[in-house]
Amino acid sequence: MIDPTDWLDTPKSIVLAVLRALWWLAWDVWVQTVGWSIGWCVLRVLSLGRYPVERLGGVDEAATGTSVVVEAVGLAVLAAGIWWLAGAWP
């Protein structure tokens, strides 16, 4: 006999796979693209063009430590800008 709960396992696993793919895409776009771009610009201005040595689109060429620092700075600057513009500074 077929258990009715088995009917829901396949659609649930498909939905879960789609959600995981969307999570990966969101992470790739927001953290790597937006965070890297903003952080790269800010750090280039602050270091007078010396850091990071990778080009603007070179997130894939950067070392792990460099990419983490640049992306964290970019996301922090983005968050600070949003808070400042919203007038909701903590």
Protein backbone atom coordinates (compact mmCIF):
# COMPACT_ATOMS: atom_id res chain seq x y z
CA MET A 1 0.00 0.00 0.00
CA ILE A 2 1.21 3.51 -0.81
CA ASP A 3 1.58 5.89 2.07
CA PRO A 4 0.20 9.39 1.28
CA THR A 5 3.23 11.01 2.92
CA ASP A 6 5.44 9.45 0.22
CA TRP A 7 3.60 11.52 -2.38
CA LEU A 8 4.92 14.69 -0.82
CA ASP A 9 8.58 13.64 -0.60
CA THR A 10 9.42 14.12 -4.28
CA PRO A 11 7.86 17.59 -4.67
CA LYS A 12 9.41 18.63 -1.36
CA SER A 13 12.89 17.56 -2.49
CA ILE A 14 12.45 19.40 -5.81
CA VAL A 15 11.39 22.58 -4.03
CA LEU A 16 14.33 22.22 -1.64
CA ALA A 17 16.77 21.85 -4.56
CA VAL A 18 15.35 24.96 -6.23
CA LEU A 19 15.58 26.95 -3.00
CA ARG A 20 19.21 25.88 -2.50
CA ALA A 21 20.05 26.99 -6.05
CA LEU A 22 18.39 30.36 -5.45
CA TRP A 23 20.28 30.76 -2.17
CA TRP A 24 23.57 30.10 -3.95
CA LEU A 25 22.67 32.60 -6.68
CA ALA A 26 21.69 35.27 -4.15
CA TRP A 27 24.93 34.73 -2.24
CA ASP A 28 26.97 34.95 -5.42
CA VAL A 29 25.26 38.12 -6.60
CA TRP A 30 25.01 40.04 -3.34
CA VAL A 31 28.17 39.13 -1.51
CA GLN A 32 30.61 38.49 -4.29
CA THR A 33 29.42 41.00 -6.87
CA VAL A 34 27.97 43.87 -4.85
CA GLY A 35 30.23 43.48 -1.81
CA TRP A 36 33.37 43.14 -3.92
CA SER A 37 32.53 46.11 -6.16
CA ILE A 38 31.80 48.53 -3.33
CA GLY A 39 34.67 47.30 -1.16
CA TRP A 40 37.10 47.39 -4.07
CA CYS A 41 36.26 51.03 -4.82
CA VAL A 42 36.43 52.11 -1.17
CA LEU A 43 39.72 50.31 -0.47
CA ARG A 44 41.29 51.58 -3.70
CA VAL A 45 40.47 55.16 -2.72
CA LEU A 46 41.68 54.71 0.87
CA SER A 47 44.92 52.97 -0.16
CA LEU A 48 45.56 55.34 -3.08
CA GLY A 49 45.22 52.57 -5.65
CA ARG A 50 47.42 49.95 -3.98
CA TYR A 51 44.96 47.51 -2.41
CA PRO A 52 43.54 45.21 -3.64
CA VAL A 53 45.91 44.52 -6.51
CA GLU A 54 43.25 42.54 -8.42
CA ARG A 55 41.12 44.35 -10.99
CA LEU A 56 37.53 45.36 -10.27
CA GLY A 57 36.10 42.17 -11.76
CA GLY A 58 38.85 39.99 -10.29
CA VAL A 59 37.03 38.48 -7.34
CA ASP A 60 37.73 35.00 -8.70
CA GLU A 61 41.45 35.74 -8.97
CA ALA A 62 41.80 37.08 -5.42
CA ALA A 63 43.05 35.07 -2.48
CA THR A 64 40.45 34.00 0.07
CA GLY A 65 41.63 36.46 2.72
CA THR A 66 41.64 39.36 0.30
CA SER A 67 38.17 38.58 -1.00
CA VAL A 68 36.76 38.26 2.53
CA VAL A 69 38.23 41.62 3.58
CA VAL A 70 37.11 43.44 0.43
CA GLU A 71 33.60 41.95 0.49
CA ALA A 72 33.18 42.66 4.23
CA VAL A 73 34.24 46.28 3.75
CA GLY A 74 31.86 46.61 0.82
CA LEU A 75 28.90 45.20 2.70
CA ALA A 76 29.70 47.31 5.78
CA VAL A 77 29.85 50.48 3.67
CA LEU A 78 26.57 49.52 1.98
CA ALA A 79 24.87 48.90 5.34
CA ALA A 80 26.21 52.18 6.76
CA GLY A 81 24.98 54.06 3.70
CA ILE A 82 21.52 52.54 3.97
CA TRP A 83 21.28 53.36 7.67
CA TRP A 84 22.50 56.91 7.07
CA LEU A 85 20.08 57.53 4.19
CA ALA A 86 17.18 56.04 6.12
CA GLY A 87 17.92 58.24 9.13
CA ALA A 88 17.82 55.22 11.40
CA TRP A 89 21.39 55.26 12.64
CA PRO A 90 21.64 52.95 15.67
